[in-house]
N, C-alpha and C. Protein backbone atom coordinates (compact mmCIF):
# COMPACT_ATOMS: atom_id res chain seq x y z
N UNK A 1 156.43 75.70 87.15
CA UNK A 1 156.99 74.80 86.14
C UNK A 1 156.93 75.38 84.72
N UNK A 2 156.39 76.58 84.58
CA UNK A 2 156.30 77.19 83.26
C UNK A 2 157.67 77.75 82.85
N UNK A 3 157.89 77.86 81.54
CA UNK A 3 159.15 78.45 81.08
C UNK A 3 159.06 79.97 81.02
N UNK A 4 157.90 80.53 81.40
CA UNK A 4 157.75 81.99 81.45
C UNK A 4 157.88 82.47 82.88
N UNK A 5 158.40 83.68 83.10
CA UNK A 5 158.58 84.18 84.48
C UNK A 5 157.24 84.28 85.21
N UNK A 6 157.21 83.81 86.46
CA UNK A 6 155.98 83.76 87.27
C UNK A 6 155.38 85.15 87.44
N UNK A 7 156.20 86.15 87.82
CA UNK A 7 155.65 87.48 88.13
C UNK A 7 155.09 88.14 86.89
N UNK A 8 155.74 87.90 85.75
CA UNK A 8 155.24 88.47 84.51
C UNK A 8 153.86 87.88 84.17
N UNK A 9 153.71 86.58 84.34
CA UNK A 9 152.42 85.91 84.08
C UNK A 9 151.34 86.42 85.02
N UNK A 10 151.68 86.55 86.32
CA UNK A 10 150.71 86.99 87.32
C UNK A 10 150.19 88.39 86.99
N UNK A 11 151.11 89.27 86.64
CA UNK A 11 150.72 90.63 86.29
C UNK A 11 149.84 90.67 85.06
N UNK A 12 150.16 89.83 84.07
CA UNK A 12 149.38 89.79 82.83
C UNK A 12 147.96 89.29 83.08
N UNK A 13 147.83 88.25 83.92
CA UNK A 13 146.50 87.72 84.24
C UNK A 13 145.66 88.77 84.97
N UNK A 14 146.27 89.43 85.96
CA UNK A 14 145.55 90.47 86.72
C UNK A 14 145.12 91.61 85.80
N UNK A 15 146.00 91.99 84.87
CA UNK A 15 145.67 93.07 83.93
C UNK A 15 144.51 92.68 83.01
N UNK A 16 144.56 91.47 82.48
CA UNK A 16 143.51 91.02 81.55
C UNK A 16 142.15 90.95 82.24
N UNK A 17 142.12 90.47 83.49
CA UNK A 17 140.85 90.38 84.24
C UNK A 17 140.33 91.77 84.57
N UNK A 18 141.23 92.66 84.98
CA UNK A 18 140.80 93.99 85.43
C UNK A 18 140.40 94.93 84.33
N UNK A 19 140.75 94.61 83.09
CA UNK A 19 140.43 95.54 81.99
C UNK A 19 139.32 95.03 81.08
N UNK A 20 138.61 93.97 81.49
CA UNK A 20 137.51 93.47 80.67
C UNK A 20 136.35 94.45 80.68
N UNK A 21 135.70 94.61 79.53
CA UNK A 21 134.63 95.62 79.43
C UNK A 21 133.37 95.22 80.20
N UNK A 22 133.26 93.95 80.64
CA UNK A 22 132.09 93.53 81.43
C UNK A 22 132.01 94.31 82.73
N UNK A 23 133.17 94.68 83.29
CA UNK A 23 133.18 95.39 84.57
C UNK A 23 132.61 96.81 84.47
N UNK A 24 132.43 97.31 83.24
CA UNK A 24 131.79 98.63 83.07
C UNK A 24 130.37 98.61 83.65
N UNK A 25 129.76 97.41 83.71
CA UNK A 25 128.40 97.29 84.26
C UNK A 25 128.34 97.71 85.73
N UNK A 26 129.44 97.57 86.45
CA UNK A 26 129.43 97.87 87.90
C UNK A 26 129.10 99.33 88.16
N UNK A 27 129.87 100.31 87.66
CA UNK A 27 129.50 101.72 87.91
C UNK A 27 128.17 102.10 87.26
N UNK A 28 127.82 101.42 86.16
CA UNK A 28 126.55 101.71 85.49
C UNK A 28 125.36 101.41 86.41
N UNK A 29 125.38 100.23 87.05
CA UNK A 29 124.27 99.87 87.93
C UNK A 29 124.20 100.81 89.14
N UNK A 30 125.35 101.20 89.69
CA UNK A 30 125.36 102.12 90.83
C UNK A 30 124.80 103.48 90.41
N UNK A 31 125.19 103.93 89.21
CA UNK A 31 124.70 105.21 88.69
C UNK A 31 123.19 105.16 88.49
N UNK A 32 122.68 104.03 87.99
CA UNK A 32 121.24 103.88 87.79
C UNK A 32 120.49 104.00 89.12
N UNK A 33 121.01 103.35 90.17
CA UNK A 33 120.39 103.45 91.49
C UNK A 33 120.37 104.87 92.01
N UNK A 34 121.45 105.60 91.77
CA UNK A 34 121.53 107.00 92.21
C UNK A 34 120.52 107.87 91.47
N UNK A 35 120.36 107.63 90.18
CA UNK A 35 119.36 108.38 89.40
C UNK A 35 117.95 108.14 89.94
N UNK A 36 117.64 106.90 90.29
CA UNK A 36 116.31 106.57 90.81
C UNK A 36 116.07 107.24 92.16
N UNK A 37 117.12 107.30 92.98
CA UNK A 37 116.99 107.97 94.28
C UNK A 37 116.71 109.46 94.09
N UNK A 38 117.50 110.10 93.24
CA UNK A 38 117.37 111.55 93.04
C UNK A 38 116.04 111.92 92.40
N UNK A 39 115.51 111.00 91.60
CA UNK A 39 114.25 111.31 90.89
C UNK A 39 113.02 111.17 91.78
N UNK A 40 113.18 110.52 92.95
CA UNK A 40 112.03 110.31 93.84
C UNK A 40 111.33 108.98 93.61
N UNK A 41 111.78 108.20 92.61
CA UNK A 41 111.13 106.91 92.34
C UNK A 41 111.36 105.92 93.48
N UNK A 42 112.51 106.00 94.13
CA UNK A 42 112.78 105.10 95.27
C UNK A 42 111.83 105.39 96.42
N UNK A 43 111.58 106.67 96.68
CA UNK A 43 110.65 107.06 97.73
C UNK A 43 109.24 106.55 97.41
N UNK A 44 108.87 106.63 96.15
CA UNK A 44 107.56 106.14 95.70
C UNK A 44 107.45 104.62 95.88
N UNK A 45 108.55 103.93 95.57
CA UNK A 45 108.62 102.48 95.74
C UNK A 45 108.43 102.10 97.20
N UNK A 46 109.10 102.84 98.09
CA UNK A 46 109.02 102.56 99.52
C UNK A 46 107.59 102.77 100.03
N UNK A 47 106.95 103.86 99.62
CA UNK A 47 105.59 104.14 100.09
C UNK A 47 104.61 103.09 99.59
N UNK A 48 104.84 102.57 98.39
CA UNK A 48 103.97 101.52 97.85
C UNK A 48 104.08 100.25 98.69
N UNK A 49 105.30 99.80 98.98
CA UNK A 49 105.47 98.59 99.78
C UNK A 49 104.98 98.79 101.22
N UNK A 50 105.14 100.00 101.74
CA UNK A 50 104.65 100.30 103.09
C UNK A 50 103.13 100.14 103.13
N UNK A 51 102.45 100.59 102.09
CA UNK A 51 100.98 100.47 102.05
C UNK A 51 100.53 99.01 101.98
N UNK A 52 101.28 98.18 101.25
CA UNK A 52 100.89 96.77 101.09
C UNK A 52 101.25 95.90 102.29
N UNK A 53 102.32 96.24 103.01
CA UNK A 53 102.82 95.36 104.07
C UNK A 53 102.59 95.88 105.48
N UNK A 54 101.99 97.07 105.64
CA UNK A 54 101.90 97.61 107.00
C UNK A 54 100.89 96.89 107.89
N UNK A 55 100.08 95.99 107.34
CA UNK A 55 99.13 95.23 108.16
C UNK A 55 99.82 94.06 108.86
N UNK A 56 101.01 93.68 108.38
CA UNK A 56 101.74 92.56 108.99
C UNK A 56 102.39 92.98 110.30
N UNK A 57 102.60 92.05 111.24
CA UNK A 57 103.41 92.37 112.43
C UNK A 57 104.79 92.84 111.99
N UNK A 58 105.18 94.00 112.46
CA UNK A 58 106.45 94.58 112.02
C UNK A 58 106.23 95.75 111.09
N UNK A 59 105.03 95.83 110.50
CA UNK A 59 104.65 96.99 109.69
C UNK A 59 105.71 97.46 108.72
N UNK A 60 106.27 98.62 109.00
CA UNK A 60 107.22 99.24 108.09
C UNK A 60 108.54 98.47 108.02
N UNK A 61 108.85 97.66 109.03
CA UNK A 61 110.06 96.84 108.97
C UNK A 61 109.95 95.84 107.81
N UNK A 62 108.74 95.32 107.62
CA UNK A 62 108.52 94.39 106.50
C UNK A 62 108.71 95.11 105.16
N UNK A 63 108.26 96.36 105.11
CA UNK A 63 108.42 97.11 103.86
C UNK A 63 109.89 97.44 103.61
N UNK A 64 110.70 97.55 104.68
CA UNK A 64 112.15 97.73 104.49
C UNK A 64 112.72 96.60 103.66
N UNK A 65 112.39 95.36 104.06
CA UNK A 65 112.92 94.19 103.38
C UNK A 65 112.41 94.12 101.93
N UNK A 66 111.10 94.32 101.75
CA UNK A 66 110.52 94.25 100.41
C UNK A 66 111.11 95.31 99.49
N UNK A 67 111.30 96.54 100.01
CA UNK A 67 111.85 97.61 99.19
C UNK A 67 113.32 97.34 98.87
N UNK A 68 114.07 96.82 99.85
CA UNK A 68 115.48 96.46 99.60
C UNK A 68 115.57 95.40 98.49
N UNK A 69 114.67 94.42 98.53
CA UNK A 69 114.67 93.37 97.50
C UNK A 69 114.38 93.97 96.13
N UNK A 70 113.40 94.87 96.07
CA UNK A 70 113.05 95.49 94.79
C UNK A 70 114.17 96.38 94.28
N UNK A 71 114.77 97.16 95.20
CA UNK A 71 115.84 98.06 94.77
C UNK A 71 117.10 97.28 94.39
N UNK A 72 117.34 96.15 95.08
CA UNK A 72 118.49 95.30 94.72
C UNK A 72 118.35 94.78 93.30
N UNK A 73 117.11 94.55 92.86
CA UNK A 73 116.90 94.06 91.49
C UNK A 73 117.05 95.17 90.46
N UNK A 74 117.33 96.39 90.93
CA UNK A 74 117.59 97.49 90.01
C UNK A 74 119.07 97.87 90.04
N UNK A 75 119.61 98.03 91.27
CA UNK A 75 120.97 98.56 91.39
C UNK A 75 122.05 97.49 91.41
N UNK A 76 121.74 96.30 91.96
CA UNK A 76 122.73 95.23 92.01
C UNK A 76 123.81 95.40 93.05
N UNK A 77 123.71 96.45 93.86
CA UNK A 77 124.76 96.76 94.83
C UNK A 77 124.25 96.67 96.25
N UNK A 78 124.94 95.93 97.10
CA UNK A 78 124.57 95.83 98.52
C UNK A 78 124.68 97.19 99.20
N UNK A 79 125.83 97.86 99.01
CA UNK A 79 126.04 99.15 99.67
C UNK A 79 125.04 100.19 99.18
N UNK A 80 124.81 100.23 97.86
CA UNK A 80 123.86 101.21 97.31
C UNK A 80 122.45 100.94 97.81
N UNK A 81 122.06 99.66 97.92
CA UNK A 81 120.72 99.31 98.40
C UNK A 81 120.54 99.76 99.85
N UNK A 82 121.49 99.38 100.71
CA UNK A 82 121.38 99.74 102.14
C UNK A 82 121.38 101.25 102.33
N UNK A 83 122.28 101.94 101.64
CA UNK A 83 122.39 103.40 101.81
C UNK A 83 121.16 104.13 101.27
N UNK A 84 120.67 103.70 100.12
CA UNK A 84 119.54 104.38 99.48
C UNK A 84 118.26 104.20 100.28
N UNK A 85 117.94 102.95 100.64
CA UNK A 85 116.70 102.70 101.37
C UNK A 85 116.77 103.31 102.77
N UNK A 86 117.96 103.35 103.37
CA UNK A 86 118.11 103.98 104.69
C UNK A 86 117.75 105.46 104.62
N UNK A 87 118.21 106.12 103.57
CA UNK A 87 117.94 107.56 103.44
C UNK A 87 116.44 107.84 103.30
N UNK A 88 115.74 106.91 102.69
CA UNK A 88 114.29 107.08 102.52
C UNK A 88 113.55 106.70 103.79
N UNK A 89 113.99 105.60 104.46
CA UNK A 89 113.20 105.00 105.54
C UNK A 89 113.45 105.60 106.93
N UNK A 90 114.69 105.92 107.25
CA UNK A 90 115.01 106.30 108.64
C UNK A 90 114.21 107.49 109.16
N UNK A 91 114.02 108.56 108.38
CA UNK A 91 113.20 109.67 108.90
C UNK A 91 111.78 109.24 109.28
N UNK A 92 111.21 108.29 108.55
CA UNK A 92 109.85 107.80 108.84
C UNK A 92 109.83 107.07 110.17
N UNK A 93 110.82 106.21 110.39
CA UNK A 93 110.85 105.41 111.61
C UNK A 93 111.08 106.25 112.86
N UNK A 94 111.93 107.24 112.76
CA UNK A 94 112.24 108.07 113.93
C UNK A 94 111.00 108.82 114.41
N UNK A 95 110.07 109.06 113.50
CA UNK A 95 108.85 109.78 113.88
C UNK A 95 107.79 108.85 114.47
N UNK A 96 108.00 107.51 114.40
CA UNK A 96 106.93 106.58 114.78
C UNK A 96 107.25 105.69 115.96
N UNK A 97 108.42 105.81 116.56
CA UNK A 97 108.70 105.07 117.78
C UNK A 97 109.05 103.61 117.63
N UNK A 98 109.63 103.22 116.51
CA UNK A 98 110.09 101.85 116.34
C UNK A 98 111.40 101.63 117.11
N UNK A 99 111.70 100.37 117.40
CA UNK A 99 112.97 100.02 118.04
C UNK A 99 114.10 100.27 117.03
N UNK A 100 114.98 101.24 117.34
CA UNK A 100 115.96 101.67 116.33
C UNK A 100 116.98 100.59 115.95
N UNK A 101 117.53 99.80 116.91
CA UNK A 101 118.45 98.73 116.50
C UNK A 101 117.80 97.74 115.52
N UNK A 102 116.52 97.45 115.73
CA UNK A 102 115.83 96.52 114.83
C UNK A 102 115.62 97.17 113.46
N UNK A 103 115.33 98.45 113.44
CA UNK A 103 115.16 99.18 112.18
C UNK A 103 116.46 99.14 111.37
N UNK A 104 117.57 99.51 112.05
CA UNK A 104 118.86 99.55 111.36
C UNK A 104 119.28 98.14 110.94
N UNK A 105 118.99 97.14 111.79
CA UNK A 105 119.30 95.76 111.45
C UNK A 105 118.54 95.28 110.22
N UNK A 106 117.26 95.67 110.12
CA UNK A 106 116.46 95.25 108.96
C UNK A 106 117.00 95.89 107.68
N UNK A 107 117.49 97.13 107.78
CA UNK A 107 118.05 97.80 106.61
C UNK A 107 119.39 97.18 106.20
N UNK A 108 120.21 96.85 107.22
CA UNK A 108 121.50 96.22 106.92
C UNK A 108 121.30 94.83 106.34
N UNK A 109 120.37 94.06 106.93
CA UNK A 109 120.08 92.72 106.41
C UNK A 109 119.48 92.78 105.02
N UNK A 110 118.51 93.69 104.83
CA UNK A 110 117.88 93.83 103.52
C UNK A 110 118.86 94.26 102.45
N UNK A 111 119.86 95.06 102.84
CA UNK A 111 120.87 95.49 101.89
C UNK A 111 121.66 94.34 101.30
N UNK A 112 121.86 93.28 102.09
CA UNK A 112 122.65 92.14 101.60
C UNK A 112 121.96 91.38 100.47
N UNK A 113 120.68 91.65 100.25
CA UNK A 113 119.98 90.99 99.14
C UNK A 113 120.59 91.37 97.79
N UNK A 114 121.30 92.51 97.77
CA UNK A 114 121.98 92.92 96.54
C UNK A 114 123.05 91.95 96.09
N UNK A 115 123.54 91.09 97.01
CA UNK A 115 124.55 90.10 96.64
C UNK A 115 123.95 89.02 95.75
N UNK A 116 122.69 88.63 96.05
CA UNK A 116 122.07 87.49 95.37
C UNK A 116 121.14 87.89 94.24
N UNK A 117 120.27 88.85 94.52
CA UNK A 117 119.22 89.17 93.54
C UNK A 117 119.82 89.86 92.33
N UNK A 118 119.58 89.35 91.13
CA UNK A 118 120.12 89.99 89.92
C UNK A 118 119.57 91.41 89.77
N UNK A 119 120.32 92.35 89.21
CA UNK A 119 121.66 92.20 88.61
C UNK A 119 122.78 92.43 89.64
N UNK A 120 123.16 91.40 90.36
CA UNK A 120 124.17 91.51 91.42
C UNK A 120 125.54 91.85 90.85
N UNK A 121 126.15 92.90 91.41
CA UNK A 121 127.48 93.30 90.98
C UNK A 121 128.51 92.24 91.36
N UNK A 122 128.31 91.61 92.54
CA UNK A 122 129.22 90.54 92.97
C UNK A 122 129.23 89.40 91.95
N UNK A 123 128.05 89.06 91.42
CA UNK A 123 127.98 87.98 90.43
C UNK A 123 128.67 88.37 89.12
N UNK A 124 128.63 89.66 88.78
CA UNK A 124 129.35 90.12 87.59
C UNK A 124 130.85 89.92 87.78
N UNK A 125 131.36 90.36 88.93
CA UNK A 125 132.80 90.25 89.21
C UNK A 125 133.20 88.77 89.25
N UNK A 126 132.38 87.94 89.92
CA UNK A 126 132.68 86.51 89.99
C UNK A 126 132.66 85.88 88.59
N UNK A 127 131.65 86.25 87.80
CA UNK A 127 131.55 85.70 86.45
C UNK A 127 132.76 86.03 85.60
N UNK A 128 133.28 87.26 85.76
CA UNK A 128 134.47 87.66 85.01
C UNK A 128 135.68 86.84 85.47
N UNK A 129 135.86 86.73 86.79
CA UNK A 129 137.03 86.01 87.32
C UNK A 129 136.99 84.52 86.99
N UNK A 130 135.80 83.92 87.11
CA UNK A 130 135.66 82.47 86.91
C UNK A 130 135.34 82.10 85.46
N UNK A 131 135.15 83.14 84.60
CA UNK A 131 134.79 82.92 83.20
C UNK A 131 133.51 82.10 83.08
N UNK A 132 132.51 82.48 83.88
CA UNK A 132 131.19 81.84 83.85
C UNK A 132 130.19 82.78 83.18
N UNK A 133 129.10 82.21 82.69
CA UNK A 133 128.04 83.02 82.07
C UNK A 133 127.34 83.86 83.13
N UNK A 134 127.34 85.17 82.95
CA UNK A 134 126.70 86.05 83.93
C UNK A 134 125.19 85.87 83.89
N UNK A 135 124.62 85.64 82.70
CA UNK A 135 123.19 85.37 82.60
C UNK A 135 122.78 84.15 83.39
N UNK A 136 123.61 83.07 83.30
CA UNK A 136 123.32 81.85 84.05
C UNK A 136 123.43 82.08 85.56
N UNK A 137 124.44 82.86 85.97
CA UNK A 137 124.59 83.19 87.39
C UNK A 137 123.39 83.98 87.89
N UNK A 138 122.90 84.90 87.06
CA UNK A 138 121.73 85.69 87.44
C UNK A 138 120.51 84.78 87.64
N UNK A 139 120.31 83.85 86.72
CA UNK A 139 119.17 82.94 86.84
C UNK A 139 119.28 82.09 88.09
N UNK A 140 120.52 81.71 88.45
CA UNK A 140 120.74 80.90 89.65
C UNK A 140 120.49 81.69 90.93
N UNK A 141 120.58 83.01 90.87
CA UNK A 141 120.43 83.82 92.08
C UNK A 141 119.00 84.20 92.41
N UNK A 142 118.07 83.98 91.49
CA UNK A 142 116.69 84.46 91.69
C UNK A 142 116.00 83.76 92.86
N UNK A 143 115.96 82.42 92.84
CA UNK A 143 115.23 81.67 93.87
C UNK A 143 115.86 81.85 95.25
N UNK A 144 117.20 81.71 95.41
CA UNK A 144 117.79 81.98 96.73
C UNK A 144 117.51 83.41 97.22
N UNK A 145 117.49 84.37 96.30
CA UNK A 145 117.21 85.76 96.69
C UNK A 145 115.80 85.93 97.23
N UNK A 146 114.82 85.29 96.56
CA UNK A 146 113.43 85.34 97.02
C UNK A 146 113.28 84.64 98.37
N UNK A 147 113.92 83.47 98.51
CA UNK A 147 113.87 82.72 99.78
C UNK A 147 114.45 83.54 100.93
N UNK A 148 115.58 84.19 100.67
CA UNK A 148 116.21 85.00 101.72
C UNK A 148 115.32 86.18 102.11
N UNK A 149 114.67 86.79 101.13
CA UNK A 149 113.73 87.89 101.41
C UNK A 149 112.60 87.41 102.32
N UNK A 150 112.01 86.27 101.99
CA UNK A 150 110.91 85.72 102.79
C UNK A 150 111.37 85.34 104.19
N UNK A 151 112.59 84.81 104.31
CA UNK A 151 113.11 84.44 105.64
C UNK A 151 113.35 85.67 106.50
N UNK A 152 113.85 86.74 105.91
CA UNK A 152 114.02 88.00 106.66
C UNK A 152 112.66 88.49 107.18
N UNK A 153 111.66 88.44 106.30
CA UNK A 153 110.32 88.92 106.70
C UNK A 153 109.73 88.01 107.77
N UNK A 154 109.97 86.70 107.67
CA UNK A 154 109.49 85.77 108.69
C UNK A 154 110.17 86.03 110.04
N UNK A 155 111.48 86.33 110.01
CA UNK A 155 112.21 86.62 111.25
C UNK A 155 111.63 87.85 111.95
N UNK A 156 111.33 88.90 111.17
CA UNK A 156 110.73 90.11 111.75
C UNK A 156 109.35 89.80 112.30
N UNK A 157 108.58 89.02 111.56
CA UNK A 157 107.23 88.62 111.99
C UNK A 157 107.29 87.93 113.36
N UNK A 158 108.20 86.98 113.51
CA UNK A 158 108.29 86.22 114.77
C UNK A 158 108.80 87.10 115.92
N UNK A 159 109.78 87.96 115.65
CA UNK A 159 110.31 88.84 116.70
C UNK A 159 109.24 89.78 117.24
N UNK A 160 108.45 90.35 116.32
CA UNK A 160 107.42 91.30 116.74
C UNK A 160 106.25 90.58 117.41
N UNK A 161 105.97 89.34 117.00
CA UNK A 161 104.94 88.55 117.67
C UNK A 161 105.31 88.28 119.12
N UNK A 162 106.60 87.97 119.35
CA UNK A 162 107.08 87.68 120.71
C UNK A 162 107.18 88.96 121.53
N UNK A 163 107.66 90.04 120.90
CA UNK A 163 107.81 91.33 121.61
C UNK A 163 107.13 92.44 120.81
N UNK A 164 105.82 92.62 121.00
CA UNK A 164 105.08 93.62 120.22
C UNK A 164 105.59 95.05 120.41
N UNK A 165 106.28 95.32 121.52
CA UNK A 165 106.78 96.68 121.76
C UNK A 165 107.85 97.10 120.76
N UNK A 166 108.42 96.16 120.04
CA UNK A 166 109.47 96.49 119.07
C UNK A 166 108.93 97.33 117.91
N UNK A 167 107.66 97.15 117.58
CA UNK A 167 107.09 97.85 116.43
C UNK A 167 105.62 98.16 116.69
N UNK A 168 105.22 99.44 116.62
CA UNK A 168 103.81 99.78 116.82
C UNK A 168 102.95 99.29 115.66
N UNK A 169 101.68 99.08 115.94
CA UNK A 169 100.75 98.67 114.88
C UNK A 169 100.49 99.85 113.95
N UNK A 170 100.45 99.57 112.65
CA UNK A 170 100.20 100.61 111.66
C UNK A 170 98.74 100.55 111.21
N UNK A 171 98.22 101.70 110.85
CA UNK A 171 96.86 101.74 110.27
C UNK A 171 96.90 101.18 108.85
N UNK A 172 96.07 100.17 108.54
CA UNK A 172 96.11 99.62 107.18
C UNK A 172 95.66 100.65 106.14
N UNK A 173 96.33 100.63 105.00
CA UNK A 173 95.98 101.56 103.91
C UNK A 173 94.75 101.05 103.18
N UNK A 174 94.00 101.98 102.61
CA UNK A 174 92.81 101.60 101.85
C UNK A 174 93.22 100.97 100.52
N UNK A 175 92.31 100.20 99.93
CA UNK A 175 92.59 99.54 98.66
C UNK A 175 92.86 100.57 97.57
N UNK A 176 92.12 101.68 97.59
CA UNK A 176 92.32 102.73 96.59
C UNK A 176 93.73 103.31 96.68
N UNK A 177 94.20 103.50 97.92
CA UNK A 177 95.55 104.03 98.13
C UNK A 177 96.60 103.04 97.62
N UNK A 178 96.38 101.75 97.90
CA UNK A 178 97.33 100.72 97.44
C UNK A 178 97.41 100.70 95.91
N UNK A 179 96.24 100.78 95.27
CA UNK A 179 96.21 100.74 93.80
C UNK A 179 96.88 101.99 93.22
N UNK A 180 96.60 103.15 93.84
CA UNK A 180 97.21 104.40 93.35
C UNK A 180 98.72 104.34 93.44
N UNK A 181 99.24 103.84 94.56
CA UNK A 181 100.69 103.75 94.73
C UNK A 181 101.31 102.69 93.82
N UNK A 182 100.55 101.61 93.58
CA UNK A 182 101.06 100.55 92.70
C UNK A 182 101.18 101.05 91.26
N UNK A 183 100.19 101.82 90.82
CA UNK A 183 100.24 102.38 89.47
C UNK A 183 101.44 103.32 89.33
N UNK A 184 101.76 104.03 90.43
CA UNK A 184 102.85 105.00 90.39
C UNK A 184 104.22 104.35 90.22
N UNK A 185 104.34 103.05 90.58
CA UNK A 185 105.67 102.40 90.46
C UNK A 185 105.77 101.48 89.23
N UNK A 186 104.77 101.54 88.35
CA UNK A 186 104.85 100.75 87.11
C UNK A 186 106.14 101.05 86.32
N UNK A 187 106.56 102.33 86.23
CA UNK A 187 107.82 102.60 85.52
C UNK A 187 109.03 101.85 86.09
N UNK A 188 109.04 101.64 87.41
CA UNK A 188 110.15 100.90 88.02
C UNK A 188 110.11 99.44 87.55
N UNK A 189 108.91 98.87 87.48
CA UNK A 189 108.76 97.51 86.98
C UNK A 189 109.23 97.37 85.54
N UNK A 190 108.92 98.37 84.73
CA UNK A 190 109.37 98.37 83.34
C UNK A 190 110.90 98.43 83.28
N UNK A 191 111.48 99.23 84.16
CA UNK A 191 112.94 99.36 84.20
C UNK A 191 113.60 98.03 84.59
N UNK A 192 113.02 97.33 85.57
CA UNK A 192 113.56 96.03 85.98
C UNK A 192 113.51 95.06 84.80
N UNK A 193 112.38 95.07 84.06
CA UNK A 193 112.27 94.20 82.89
C UNK A 193 113.29 94.59 81.83
N UNK A 194 113.50 95.89 81.65
CA UNK A 194 114.45 96.37 80.65
C UNK A 194 115.85 95.85 80.94
N UNK A 195 116.21 95.80 82.23
CA UNK A 195 117.55 95.35 82.63
C UNK A 195 117.65 93.83 82.60
N UNK A 196 116.78 93.16 83.37
CA UNK A 196 116.90 91.71 83.52
C UNK A 196 116.31 90.94 82.34
N UNK A 197 115.19 91.43 81.80
CA UNK A 197 114.54 90.73 80.70
C UNK A 197 115.43 90.63 79.48
N UNK A 198 116.15 91.72 79.19
CA UNK A 198 117.03 91.70 78.01
C UNK A 198 118.19 90.72 78.19
N UNK A 199 118.64 90.54 79.45
CA UNK A 199 119.72 89.56 79.71
C UNK A 199 119.18 88.15 79.56
N UNK A 200 118.02 87.87 80.20
CA UNK A 200 117.47 86.51 80.20
C UNK A 200 117.05 86.07 78.80
N UNK A 201 116.60 87.02 77.98
CA UNK A 201 116.17 86.68 76.63
C UNK A 201 117.32 86.64 75.63
N UNK A 202 118.52 86.94 76.11
CA UNK A 202 119.69 86.88 75.24
C UNK A 202 119.81 88.06 74.30
N UNK A 203 119.08 89.14 74.58
CA UNK A 203 119.13 90.31 73.71
C UNK A 203 120.36 91.17 74.00
N UNK A 204 120.73 91.25 75.30
CA UNK A 204 121.82 92.13 75.71
C UNK A 204 122.75 91.44 76.69
N UNK A 205 124.01 91.87 76.68
CA UNK A 205 124.96 91.43 77.70
C UNK A 205 124.70 92.22 78.98
N UNK A 206 125.39 91.86 80.07
CA UNK A 206 125.21 92.58 81.34
C UNK A 206 125.60 94.05 81.19
N UNK A 207 126.67 94.31 80.44
CA UNK A 207 127.11 95.70 80.25
C UNK A 207 126.09 96.49 79.45
N UNK A 208 125.56 95.88 78.39
CA UNK A 208 124.56 96.57 77.57
C UNK A 208 123.27 96.79 78.35
N UNK A 209 122.88 95.80 79.15
CA UNK A 209 121.67 95.93 79.96
C UNK A 209 121.83 97.04 81.00
N UNK A 210 123.02 97.14 81.58
CA UNK A 210 123.27 98.21 82.55
C UNK A 210 123.16 99.58 81.89
N UNK A 211 123.69 99.68 80.66
CA UNK A 211 123.59 100.95 79.92
C UNK A 211 122.14 101.28 79.60
N UNK A 212 121.37 100.27 79.19
CA UNK A 212 119.94 100.47 78.95
C UNK A 212 119.24 100.95 80.21
N UNK A 213 119.63 100.36 81.36
CA UNK A 213 119.03 100.74 82.64
C UNK A 213 119.31 102.19 82.99
N UNK A 214 120.54 102.63 82.75
CA UNK A 214 120.90 104.03 83.04
C UNK A 214 120.09 104.98 82.17
N UNK A 215 119.98 104.66 80.87
CA UNK A 215 119.19 105.51 79.97
C UNK A 215 117.72 105.53 80.41
N UNK A 216 117.18 104.34 80.75
CA UNK A 216 115.80 104.27 81.19
C UNK A 216 115.56 105.07 82.47
N UNK A 217 116.49 104.94 83.43
CA UNK A 217 116.36 105.69 84.70
C UNK A 217 116.46 107.19 84.45
N UNK A 218 117.33 107.59 83.52
CA UNK A 218 117.49 109.01 83.20
C UNK A 218 116.21 109.56 82.60
N UNK A 219 115.58 108.79 81.68
CA UNK A 219 114.31 109.24 81.07
C UNK A 219 113.21 109.35 82.12
N UNK A 220 113.13 108.33 83.03
CA UNK A 220 112.10 108.35 84.08
C UNK A 220 112.29 109.54 85.01
């Protein structure tokens, strides 16, 4: 019913949405995740969670989920989370006799946490399309993301309780080892605060926070 040509309007809307500078955050977050992988910080993160969670039924499977959740809060990408944690985790599992379909399933499931847990790239794209506050969307994704992480871990717990052969028991790490590994990942915690804290406090936009994250990851 408009007096302007439909196709011209459609093209203009698509162009305006696709050229917004907010979308620059998408490659920035992926680049930040890649920097963390190449630097060895992701491997350090995985070993820390493995030390803290290996006493649970499912052992390293539980650390898959916890590490995916932590990495999702850095990279914001489902594909990047699944691919990165898989590269770190799979060699460990193949040497220890875990059920491989369950291992791969935990990595694929854990990767989906990148959809919900901020800084989710999907929420950035949705926020641009729907003209919603990305900061508000991020705040809305925190609790569902934590709940989904806990439900994944509960599912692994119950599966291994019913069928212990799916995952061998791991030797619990000493408290000194846990503390040493936890201290080693403090820089990752600072980086998460640098990205998400600046958005929540209203200091930076999603694009600016992503740029800060890339610089922080590069320095680390």
